[in-house]
């Protein structure tokens, strides 16, 4: 695919790393973030700073958004000087925020009326996946847009899968977060148990990681916990947001997810009561360990 003018709105931990891959691939990048300093490293590499999401959109062929919460997505797309304030005819709009499936459908419906090609494309793989360009990308929306943008997705992703109608990418990400809820609570409780039993925790991680208990959370977050490294590969406050979306959507579908509900309660203690939402998801261990 030819080099494109790409807009990127939301240059936090994940977005910043994705932007670096897009710059390295030769695309001209236009960026916006609420805190400009988080885009300074991109600007120093040739990215062009814009003062509003509308300004970004007017300058490019393709806009990626990756912000924190559904309320942020709503503001970026529908707010004053938002993306949909610009002329979006024949432009690609791709939201990679983990957000509500219903909001993805709303963006697609509005964007399509204005002539845009819209995708919801949340990702999995954390900070390491973003830095290494190995993210898993879950796509819903325009199939034509998916086919056209697949080479761009490959600039920062390893597995890219199309799931269908608008909101399908977000629903797939909810399934992903439901699974991770189980592996995070399982990893945390296994370390709490192993420590109380007086076991060598490094040996426990190595042993469990080589058997049927192996999982991504154990491999990637277990060693960080032993080093007392609670920096966010993914913020706990954002994971709690995801679990709330998953459970709200599950309720609308009339299904009960008790294990996910319990994980949500634990993260609510960490984020809302202990005010540790800026820790990585591995910070859950702090409910047991000081």
C-alpha atoms as a PDB file:
ATOM      1  CA  UNK A   1       0.000   0.000   0.000  1.00  0.00           C
ATOM      2  CA  UNK A   2       1.235   3.515  -0.811  1.00  0.00           C
ATOM      3  CA  UNK A   3       2.382   5.802   1.987  1.00  0.00           C
ATOM      4  CA  UNK A   4      -0.515   7.702   3.521  1.00  0.00           C
ATOM      5  CA  UNK A   5      -1.256  10.823   5.494  1.00  0.00           C
ATOM      6  CA  UNK A   6      -2.371   9.325   8.793  1.00  0.00           C
ATOM      7  CA  UNK A   7      -3.885  11.084  11.789  1.00  0.00           C
ATOM      8  CA  UNK A   8      -3.431   9.649  15.270  1.00  0.00           C
ATOM      9  CA  UNK A   9      -5.473  10.926  18.217  1.00  0.00           C
ATOM     10  CA  UNK A  10      -4.318   9.623  21.608  1.00  0.00           C
ATOM     11  CA  UNK A  11      -0.558   9.242  22.031  1.00  0.00           C
ATOM     12  CA  UNK A  12      -0.418   7.497  25.398  1.00  0.00           C
ATOM     13  CA  UNK A  13       1.548   4.342  26.212  1.00  0.00           C
ATOM     14  CA  UNK A  14      -0.003   2.234  23.452  1.00  0.00           C
ATOM     15  CA  UNK A  15      -0.754   4.933  20.903  1.00  0.00           C
ATOM     16  CA  UNK A  16       2.729   6.401  21.078  1.00  0.00           C
ATOM     17  CA  UNK A  17       4.353   3.050  20.328  1.00  0.00           C
ATOM     18  CA  UNK A  18       1.984   2.446  17.394  1.00  0.00           C
ATOM     19  CA  UNK A  19       2.785   5.915  16.024  1.00  0.00           C
ATOM     20  CA  UNK A  20       6.497   5.098  16.051  1.00  0.00           C
ATOM     21  CA  UNK A  21       5.840   2.061  13.855  1.00  0.00           C
ATOM     22  CA  UNK A  22       3.767   4.149  11.443  1.00  0.00           C
ATOM     23  CA  UNK A  23       6.540   6.759  11.186  1.00  0.00           C
ATOM     24  CA  UNK A  24       9.116   4.011  10.657  1.00  0.00           C
ATOM     25  CA  UNK A  25       6.955   2.584   7.868  1.00  0.00           C
ATOM     26  CA  UNK A  26       7.224   5.928   6.081  1.00  0.00           C
ATOM     27  CA  UNK A  27       3.766   7.409   6.630  1.00  0.00           C
ATOM     28  CA  UNK A  28       3.289  11.141   7.273  1.00  0.00           C
ATOM     29  CA  UNK A  29       1.763  11.429  10.715  1.00  0.00           C
ATOM     30  CA  UNK A  30      -0.490  14.151  12.122  1.00  0.00           C
ATOM     31  CA  UNK A  31      -1.069  13.869  15.881  1.00  0.00           C
ATOM     32  CA  UNK A  32      -3.297  15.240  18.636  1.00  0.00           C
ATOM     33  CA  UNK A  33      -3.324  14.462  22.333  1.00  0.00           C
ATOM     34  CA  UNK A  34      -4.827  16.281  25.320  1.00  0.00           C
ATOM     35  CA  UNK A  35      -1.327  16.548  26.804  1.00  0.00           C
ATOM     36  CA  UNK A  36       0.997  17.747  24.057  1.00  0.00           C
ATOM     37  CA  UNK A  37       4.176  16.631  25.878  1.00  0.00           C
ATOM     38  CA  UNK A  38       3.142  12.998  25.311  1.00  0.00           C
ATOM     39  CA  UNK A  39       3.538  13.608  21.574  1.00  0.00           C
ATOM     40  CA  UNK A  40       6.875  15.480  21.721  1.00  0.00           C
ATOM     41  CA  UNK A  41       8.945  12.409  20.820  1.00  0.00           C
ATOM     42  CA  UNK A  42       6.758  11.909  17.731  1.00  0.00           C
ATOM     43  CA  UNK A  43       6.985  15.562  16.714  1.00  0.00           C
ATOM     44  CA  UNK A  44      10.777  15.332  16.980  1.00  0.00           C
ATOM     45  CA  UNK A  45      10.590  12.454  14.470  1.00  0.00           C
ATOM     46  CA  UNK A  46       8.580  14.446  11.942  1.00  0.00           C
ATOM     47  CA  UNK A  47       4.980  14.094  13.096  1.00  0.00           C
ATOM     48  CA  UNK A  48       2.897  17.254  12.646  1.00  0.00           C
ATOM     49  CA  UNK A  49       1.075  18.579  15.714  1.00  0.00           C
ATOM     50  CA  UNK A  50      -2.596  19.576  15.348  1.00  0.00           C
ATOM     51  CA  UNK A  51      -4.634  21.526  17.886  1.00  0.00           C
ATOM     52  CA  UNK A  52      -7.961  19.652  17.542  1.00  0.00           C
ATOM     53  CA  UNK A  53      -9.269  16.290  16.292  1.00  0.00           C
ATOM     54  CA  UNK A  54     -11.054  18.208  13.519  1.00  0.00           C
ATOM     55  CA  UNK A  55      -7.757  19.703  12.350  1.00  0.00           C
ATOM     56  CA  UNK A  56      -6.178  16.245  12.271  1.00  0.00           C
ATOM     57  CA  UNK A  57      -9.063  14.841  10.245  1.00  0.00           C
ATOM     58  CA  UNK A  58      -9.019  17.636   7.673  1.00  0.00           C
ATOM     59  CA  UNK A  59      -5.312  17.011   6.978  1.00  0.00           C
ATOM     60  CA  UNK A  60      -5.319  13.246   6.434  1.00  0.00           C
ATOM     61  CA  UNK A  61      -6.798  10.261   4.582  1.00  0.00           C
ATOM     62  CA  UNK A  62      -6.983   7.976   7.615  1.00  0.00           C
ATOM     63  CA  UNK A  63      -7.640   8.750  11.294  1.00  0.00           C
ATOM     64  CA  UNK A  64      -6.806   6.387  14.162  1.00  0.00           C
ATOM     65  CA  UNK A  65      -8.150   7.105  17.641  1.00  0.00           C
ATOM     66  CA  UNK A  66      -6.908   5.470  20.822  1.00  0.00           C
ATOM     67  CA  UNK A  67      -8.102   7.276  23.936  1.00  0.00           C
ATOM     68  CA  UNK A  68      -9.025   6.234  27.465  1.00  0.00           C
ATOM     69  CA  UNK A  69     -12.758   5.888  28.036  1.00  0.00           C
ATOM     70  CA  UNK A  70     -15.979   5.765  25.994  1.00  0.00           C
ATOM     71  CA  UNK A  71     -16.700   9.353  27.125  1.00  0.00           C
ATOM     72  CA  UNK A  72     -13.378  10.367  25.530  1.00  0.00           C
ATOM     73  CA  UNK A  73     -14.306   8.557  22.313  1.00  0.00           C
ATOM     74  CA  UNK A  74     -17.667  10.343  22.277  1.00  0.00           C
ATOM     75  CA  UNK A  75     -15.971  13.719  22.703  1.00  0.00           C
ATOM     76  CA  UNK A  76     -13.281  13.066  20.081  1.00  0.00           C
ATOM     77  CA  UNK A  77     -15.829  12.054  17.448  1.00  0.00           C
ATOM     78  CA  UNK A  78     -18.964  14.047  18.278  1.00  0.00           C
ATOM     79  CA  UNK A  79     -17.732  16.975  20.405  1.00  0.00           C
ATOM     80  CA  UNK A  80     -16.888  20.534  19.394  1.00  0.00           C
ATOM     81  CA  UNK A  81     -14.022  20.460  16.867  1.00  0.00           C
ATOM     82  CA  UNK A  82     -14.353  16.679  16.801  1.00  0.00           C
ATOM     83  CA  UNK A  83     -13.586  14.282  13.964  1.00  0.00           C
ATOM     84  CA  UNK A  84     -17.127  14.326  12.589  1.00  0.00           C
ATOM     85  CA  UNK A  85     -17.085  18.131  12.494  1.00  0.00           C
ATOM     86  CA  UNK A  86     -14.699  17.794   9.553  1.00  0.00           C
ATOM     87  CA  UNK A  87     -15.553  16.679   6.040  1.00  0.00           C
ATOM     88  CA  UNK A  88     -14.968  12.918   6.224  1.00  0.00           C
ATOM     89  CA  UNK A  89     -16.191  11.879   2.782  1.00  0.00           C
ATOM     90  CA  UNK A  90     -14.050   8.955   1.513  1.00  0.00           C
ATOM     91  CA  UNK A  91     -11.823   9.108   4.620  1.00  0.00           C
ATOM     92  CA  UNK A  92     -11.082   6.116   6.851  1.00  0.00           C
ATOM     93  CA  UNK A  93     -11.991   6.411  10.549  1.00  0.00           C
ATOM     94  CA  UNK A  94     -10.630   3.702  12.862  1.00  0.00           C
ATOM     95  CA  UNK A  95     -11.255   3.659  16.618  1.00  0.00           C
ATOM     96  CA  UNK A  96      -8.796   1.410  18.454  1.00  0.00           C
ATOM     97  CA  UNK A  97      -9.990   2.396  21.935  1.00  0.00           C
ATOM     98  CA  UNK A  98     -11.534  -0.464  23.869  1.00  0.00           C
ATOM     99  CA  UNK A  99     -15.023   0.979  24.050  1.00  0.00           C
ATOM    100  CA  UNK A 100     -18.728   0.129  23.985  1.00  0.00           C
ATOM    101  CA  UNK A 101     -19.984  -1.888  21.001  1.00  0.00           C
ATOM    102  CA  UNK A 102     -23.040   0.399  20.856  1.00  0.00           C
ATOM    103  CA  UNK A 103     -20.794   3.467  20.537  1.00  0.00           C
ATOM    104  CA  UNK A 104     -18.876   1.808  17.696  1.00  0.00           C
ATOM    105  CA  UNK A 105     -22.201   1.277  15.934  1.00  0.00           C
ATOM    106  CA  UNK A 106     -23.154   4.934  16.489  1.00  0.00           C
ATOM    107  CA  UNK A 107     -19.843   6.176  15.046  1.00  0.00           C
ATOM    108  CA  UNK A 108     -20.220   3.876  12.042  1.00  0.00           C
ATOM    109  CA  UNK A 109     -23.804   4.979  11.361  1.00  0.00           C
ATOM    110  CA  UNK A 110     -22.931   8.682  11.571  1.00  0.00           C
ATOM    111  CA  UNK A 111     -19.675   8.314   9.661  1.00  0.00           C
ATOM    112  CA  UNK A 112     -21.297   6.291   6.888  1.00  0.00           C
ATOM    113  CA  UNK A 113     -23.949   8.965   6.388  1.00  0.00           C
ATOM    114  CA  UNK A 114     -21.125  11.453   5.852  1.00  0.00           C
ATOM    115  CA  UNK A 115     -19.378   9.192   3.360  1.00  0.00           C
ATOM    116  CA  UNK A 116     -16.641   7.829   5.667  1.00  0.00           C
ATOM    117  CA  UNK A 117     -15.468   4.212   5.917  1.00  0.00           C
ATOM    118  CA  UNK A 118     -15.508   3.308   9.604  1.00  0.00           C
ATOM    119  CA  UNK A 119     -13.883   0.504  11.614  1.00  0.00           C
ATOM    120  CA  UNK A 120     -13.742  -0.407  15.273  1.00  0.00           C
ATOM    121  CA  UNK A 121     -10.382  -2.105  15.810  1.00  0.00           C
ATOM    122  CA  UNK A 122      -9.390  -2.579  19.449  1.00  0.00           C
ATOM    123  CA  UNK A 123      -6.102  -4.327  20.133  1.00  0.00           C
ATOM    124  CA  UNK A 124      -4.570  -6.817  22.550  1.00  0.00           C
ATOM    125  CA  UNK A 125      -0.941  -7.364  23.488  1.00  0.00           C
ATOM    126  CA  UNK A 126      -0.218  -4.592  25.982  1.00  0.00           C
ATOM    127  CA  UNK A 127       2.739  -2.242  25.953  1.00  0.00           C
ATOM    128  CA  UNK A 128       5.125  -4.970  24.785  1.00  0.00           C
ATOM    129  CA  UNK A 129       2.930  -5.857  21.835  1.00  0.00           C
ATOM    130  CA  UNK A 130       2.711  -2.202  20.856  1.00  0.00           C
ATOM    131  CA  UNK A 131       6.474  -1.670  21.158  1.00  0.00           C
ATOM    132  CA  UNK A 132       7.302  -4.854  19.243  1.00  0.00           C
ATOM    133  CA  UNK A 133       4.654  -4.347  16.558  1.00  0.00           C
ATOM    134  CA  UNK A 134       3.001  -7.663  17.421  1.00  0.00           C
ATOM    135  CA  UNK A 135      -0.468  -6.553  18.503  1.00  0.00           C
ATOM    136  CA  UNK A 136      -3.569  -8.606  17.844  1.00  0.00           C
ATOM    137  CA  UNK A 137      -6.144  -6.395  16.116  1.00  0.00           C
ATOM    138  CA  UNK A 138      -9.879  -7.231  16.247  1.00  0.00           C
ATOM    139  CA  UNK A 139     -11.822  -5.488  13.498  1.00  0.00           C
ATOM    140  CA  UNK A 140     -15.488  -4.724  12.915  1.00  0.00           C
ATOM    141  CA  UNK A 141     -17.179  -2.445  10.386  1.00  0.00           C
ATOM    142  CA  UNK A 142     -16.641  -1.838   6.676  1.00  0.00           C
ATOM    143  CA  UNK A 143     -15.134  -4.927   5.035  1.00  0.00           C
ATOM    144  CA  UNK A 144     -13.839  -2.805   2.170  1.00  0.00           C
ATOM    145  CA  UNK A 145     -12.036  -0.552   4.644  1.00  0.00           C
ATOM    146  CA  UNK A 146     -10.581  -3.620   6.379  1.00  0.00           C
ATOM    147  CA  UNK A 147      -9.187  -4.930   3.091  1.00  0.00           C
ATOM    148  CA  UNK A 148      -7.721  -1.542   2.157  1.00  0.00           C
ATOM    149  CA  UNK A 149      -6.150  -0.910   5.563  1.00  0.00           C
ATOM    150  CA  UNK A 150      -4.825  -4.404   6.252  1.00  0.00           C
ATOM    151  CA  UNK A 151      -1.297  -3.423   5.090  1.00  0.00           C
ATOM    152  CA  UNK A 152      -1.363  -0.471   7.524  1.00  0.00           C
ATOM    153  CA  UNK A 153      -2.471  -2.726  10.374  1.00  0.00           C
ATOM    154  CA  UNK A 154       0.487  -4.987   9.576  1.00  0.00           C
ATOM    155  CA  UNK A 155       2.844  -2.067  10.314  1.00  0.00           C
ATOM    156  CA  UNK A 156       2.101  -2.556  14.022  1.00  0.00           C
ATOM    157  CA  UNK A 157       0.117  -5.785  14.316  1.00  0.00           C
ATOM    158  CA  UNK A 158       0.863  -9.481  13.934  1.00  0.00           C
ATOM    159  CA  UNK A 159      -2.632 -10.974  13.926  1.00  0.00           C
ATOM    160  CA  UNK A 160      -5.414  -9.004  12.261  1.00  0.00           C
ATOM    161  CA  UNK A 161      -8.883 -10.562  12.200  1.00  0.00           C
ATOM    162  CA  UNK A 162     -12.139  -9.257  10.733  1.00  0.00           C
ATOM    163  CA  UNK A 163     -15.331 -10.138  12.634  1.00  0.00           C
ATOM    164  CA  UNK A 164     -18.125  -8.439  10.717  1.00  0.00           C
ATOM    165  CA  UNK A 165     -20.606  -5.655  11.384  1.00  0.00           C
ATOM    166  CA  UNK A 166     -19.800  -2.451  13.331  1.00  0.00           C
ATOM    167  CA  UNK A 167     -19.241  -3.252  17.008  1.00  0.00           C
ATOM    168  CA  UNK A 168     -17.932  -6.764  16.259  1.00  0.00           C
ATOM    169  CA  UNK A 169     -14.348  -5.738  16.986  1.00  0.00           C
ATOM    170  CA  UNK A 170     -15.409  -4.336  20.351  1.00  0.00           C
ATOM    171  CA  UNK A 171     -17.402  -7.465  21.210  1.00  0.00           C
ATOM    172  CA  UNK A 172     -14.351  -9.588  20.407  1.00  0.00           C
ATOM    173  CA  UNK A 173     -12.240  -7.380  22.680  1.00  0.00           C
ATOM    174  CA  UNK A 174     -14.811  -7.855  25.461  1.00  0.00           C
ATOM    175  CA  UNK A 175     -14.394 -11.632  25.093  1.00  0.00           C
ATOM    176  CA  UNK A 176     -10.632 -11.064  25.298  1.00  0.00           C
ATOM    177  CA  UNK A 177     -10.948  -9.017  28.496  1.00  0.00           C
ATOM    178  CA  UNK A 178     -13.236 -11.599  30.073  1.00  0.00           C
ATOM    179  CA  UNK A 179     -10.524 -14.203  29.511  1.00  0.00           C
ATOM    180  CA  UNK A 180      -7.806 -11.902  30.868  1.00  0.00           C
ATOM    181  CA  UNK A 181      -9.895 -11.226  33.981  1.00  0.00           C
ATOM    182  CA  UNK A 182      -9.613 -14.928  34.797  1.00  0.00           C
ATOM    183  CA  UNK A 183      -5.881 -15.177  34.094  1.00  0.00           C
ATOM    184  CA  UNK A 184      -5.083 -12.038  36.133  1.00  0.00           C
ATOM    185  CA  UNK A 185      -6.991 -13.201  39.204  1.00  0.00           C
ATOM    186  CA  UNK A 186      -5.584 -16.711  38.803  1.00  0.00           C
ATOM    187  CA  UNK A 187      -2.003 -15.465  38.535  1.00  0.00           C
ATOM    188  CA  UNK A 188      -2.421 -13.145  41.509  1.00  0.00           C
ATOM    189  CA  UNK A 189      -3.928 -15.773  43.792  1.00  0.00           C
ATOM    190  CA  UNK A 190      -1.386 -18.408  42.770  1.00  0.00           C
ATOM    191  CA  UNK A 191       1.469 -16.067  43.785  1.00  0.00           C
ATOM    192  CA  UNK A 192      -0.237 -15.201  47.070  1.00  0.00           C
ATOM    193  CA  UNK A 193      -0.666 -18.912  47.801  1.00  0.00           C
ATOM    194  CA  UNK A 194       2.867 -19.853  46.735  1.00  0.00           C
ATOM    195  CA  UNK A 195       4.443 -17.136  48.873  1.00  0.00           C
ATOM    196  CA  UNK A 196       2.414 -18.137  51.940  1.00  0.00           C
ATOM    197  CA  UNK A 197       3.510 -21.739  51.375  1.00  0.00           C
ATOM    198  CA  UNK A 198       7.150 -20.602  51.453  1.00  0.00           C
ATOM    199  CA  UNK A 199       7.927 -21.538  47.843  1.00  0.00           C
ATOM    200  CA  UNK A 200      10.582 -20.042  45.565  1.00  0.00           C
ATOM    201  CA  UNK A 201       8.403 -17.719  43.484  1.00  0.00           C
ATOM    202  CA  UNK A 202      10.762 -17.542  40.494  1.00  0.00           C
ATOM    203  CA  UNK A 203      10.813 -21.328  40.360  1.00  0.00           C
ATOM    204  CA  UNK A 204       7.019 -21.388  40.625  1.00  0.00           C
ATOM    205  CA  UNK A 205       6.684 -19.029  37.658  1.00  0.00           C
ATOM    206  CA  UNK A 206       9.108 -21.070  35.579  1.00  0.00           C
ATOM    207  CA  UNK A 207       7.400 -24.345  36.442  1.00  0.00           C
ATOM    208  CA  UNK A 208       3.825 -23.179  35.902  1.00  0.00           C
ATOM    209  CA  UNK A 209       4.826 -21.379  32.711  1.00  0.00           C
ATOM    210  CA  UNK A 210       6.074 -24.668  31.280  1.00  0.00           C
ATOM    211  CA  UNK A 211       2.883 -26.613  31.895  1.00  0.00           C
ATOM    212  CA  UNK A 212      -0.866 -26.432  31.402  1.00  0.00           C
ATOM    213  CA  UNK A 213      -1.116 -23.368  33.678  1.00  0.00           C
ATOM    214  CA  UNK A 214       0.888 -21.295  31.173  1.00  0.00           C
ATOM    215  CA  UNK A 215      -0.775 -18.070  30.052  1.00  0.00           C
ATOM    216  CA  UNK A 216       0.143 -14.573  28.841  1.00  0.00           C
ATOM    217  CA  UNK A 217      -0.506 -12.873  32.188  1.00  0.00           C
ATOM    218  CA  UNK A 218       1.701 -15.322  34.058  1.00  0.00           C
ATOM    219  CA  UNK A 219       4.555 -15.013  31.544  1.00  0.00           C
ATOM    220  CA  UNK A 220       4.483 -11.238  31.205  1.00  0.00           C
ATOM    221  CA  UNK A 221       3.217  -9.907  34.518  1.00  0.00           C
ATOM    222  CA  UNK A 222       4.466 -12.519  36.978  1.00  0.00           C
ATOM    223  CA  UNK A 223       8.143 -11.476  36.586  1.00  0.00           C
ATOM    224  CA  UNK A 224       7.186  -7.799  36.882  1.00  0.00           C
ATOM    225  CA  UNK A 225       5.474  -8.476  40.195  1.00  0.00           C
ATOM    226  CA  UNK A 226       8.558 -10.231  41.574  1.00  0.00           C
ATOM    227  CA  UNK A 227      10.623  -7.167  40.595  1.00  0.00           C
ATOM    228  CA  UNK A 228       8.014  -4.890  42.238  1.00  0.00           C
ATOM    229  CA  UNK A 229       7.468  -3.315  38.834  1.00  0.00           C
ATOM    230  CA  UNK A 230       3.914  -2.015  38.709  1.00  0.00           C
ATOM    231  CA  UNK A 231       4.344   0.327  35.737  1.00  0.00           C
ATOM    232  CA  UNK A 232       1.409   0.046  33.353  1.00  0.00           C
ATOM    233  CA  UNK A 233       1.555  -2.140  30.324  1.00  0.00           C
ATOM    234  CA  UNK A 234      -2.170  -1.545  30.683  1.00  0.00           C
ATOM    235  CA  UNK A 235      -3.677   0.737  33.323  1.00  0.00           C
ATOM    236  CA  UNK A 236      -5.798  -0.884  36.024  1.00  0.00           C
ATOM    237  CA  UNK A 237      -8.352   1.942  35.680  1.00  0.00           C
ATOM    238  CA  UNK A 238      -8.734   1.123  31.988  1.00  0.00           C
ATOM    239  CA  UNK A 239      -9.073  -2.596  32.671  1.00  0.00           C
ATOM    240  CA  UNK A 240     -11.816  -1.860  35.216  1.00  0.00           C
ATOM    241  CA  UNK A 241     -13.550   0.239  32.550  1.00  0.00           C
ATOM    242  CA  UNK A 242     -13.348  -2.738  30.171  1.00  0.00           C
ATOM    243  CA  UNK A 243     -14.798  -5.152  32.705  1.00  0.00           C
ATOM    244  CA  UNK A 244     -17.684  -2.783  33.364  1.00  0.00           C
ATOM    245  CA  UNK A 245     -18.406  -2.536  29.638  1.00  0.00           C
ATOM    246  CA  UNK A 246     -18.235  -6.339  29.288  1.00  0.00           C
ATOM    247  CA  UNK A 247     -20.660  -6.892  32.157  1.00  0.00           C
ATOM    248  CA  UNK A 248     -23.053  -4.148  31.003  1.00  0.00           C
ATOM    249  CA  UNK A 249     -23.116  -5.662  27.521  1.00  0.00           C
ATOM    250  CA  UNK A 250     -23.526  -9.176  28.929  1.00  0.00           C
ATOM    251  CA  UNK A 251     -26.526  -7.970  30.954  1.00  0.00           C
ATOM    252  CA  UNK A 252     -28.071  -6.532  27.791  1.00  0.00           C
ATOM    253  CA  UNK A 253     -27.591  -9.970  26.187  1.00  0.00           C
ATOM    254  CA  UNK A 254     -29.183 -11.584  29.267  1.00  0.00           C
ATOM    255  CA  UNK A 255     -26.135 -13.639  30.251  1.00  0.00           C
ATOM    256  CA  UNK A 256     -24.529 -13.963  33.684  1.00  0.00           C
ATOM    257  CA  UNK A 257     -20.717 -13.892  34.077  1.00  0.00           C
ATOM    258  CA  UNK A 258     -20.025 -14.451  37.797  1.00  0.00           C
ATOM    259  CA  UNK A 259     -16.237 -14.894  37.551  1.00  0.00           C
ATOM    260  CA  UNK A 260     -15.894 -11.656  35.558  1.00  0.00           C
ATOM    261  CA  UNK A 261     -18.133  -9.890  38.075  1.00  0.00           C
ATOM    262  CA  UNK A 262     -15.832 -11.022  40.885  1.00  0.00           C
ATOM    263  CA  UNK A 263     -12.769  -9.763  39.014  1.00  0.00           C
ATOM    264  CA  UNK A 264     -14.526  -6.411  38.581  1.00  0.00           C
ATOM    265  CA  UNK A 265     -15.117  -6.206  42.340  1.00  0.00           C
ATOM    266  CA  UNK A 266     -11.408  -6.795  43.028  1.00  0.00           C
ATOM    267  CA  UNK A 267     -10.326  -4.126  40.543  1.00  0.00           C
ATOM    268  CA  UNK A 268     -12.899  -1.737  42.027  1.00  0.00           C
ATOM    269  CA  UNK A 269     -11.154  -2.112  45.383  1.00  0.00           C
ATOM    270  CA  UNK A 270      -7.779  -1.440  43.761  1.00  0.00           C
ATOM    271  CA  UNK A 271      -8.930   1.507  41.632  1.00  0.00           C
ATOM    272  CA  UNK A 272     -11.842   3.136  43.467  1.00  0.00           C
ATOM    273  CA  UNK A 273     -11.017   2.425  47.119  1.00  0.00           C
ATOM    274  CA  UNK A 274      -7.222   2.293  47.121  1.00  0.00           C
ATOM    275  CA  UNK A 275      -6.862   4.859  44.302  1.00  0.00           C
ATOM    276  CA  UNK A 276      -4.226   2.780  42.485  1.00  0.00           C
ATOM    277  CA  UNK A 277      -5.776   2.950  39.039  1.00  0.00           C
ATOM    278  CA  UNK A 278      -2.588   4.273  37.431  1.00  0.00           C
ATOM    279  CA  UNK A 279      -0.772   1.036  38.265  1.00  0.00           C
ATOM    280  CA  UNK A 280      -0.572  -1.702  35.678  1.00  0.00           C
ATOM    281  CA  UNK A 281      -3.096  -4.525  35.939  1.00  0.00           C
ATOM    282  CA  UNK A 282      -0.469  -6.559  37.838  1.00  0.00           C
ATOM    283  CA  UNK A 283      -1.006  -4.085  40.698  1.00  0.00           C
ATOM    284  CA  UNK A 284      -3.907  -6.311  41.766  1.00  0.00           C
ATOM    285  CA  UNK A 285      -1.370  -8.181  43.926  1.00  0.00           C
ATOM    286  CA  UNK A 286      -1.347  -5.129  46.211  1.00  0.00           C
ATOM    287  CA  UNK A 287      -4.694  -6.218  47.630  1.00  0.00           C
ATOM    288  CA  UNK A 288      -2.612  -8.897  49.395  1.00  0.00           C
ATOM    289  CA  UNK A 289       0.982  -7.708  49.383  1.00  0.00           C
ATOM    290  CA  UNK A 290       2.131  -4.374  50.775  1.00  0.00           C
END
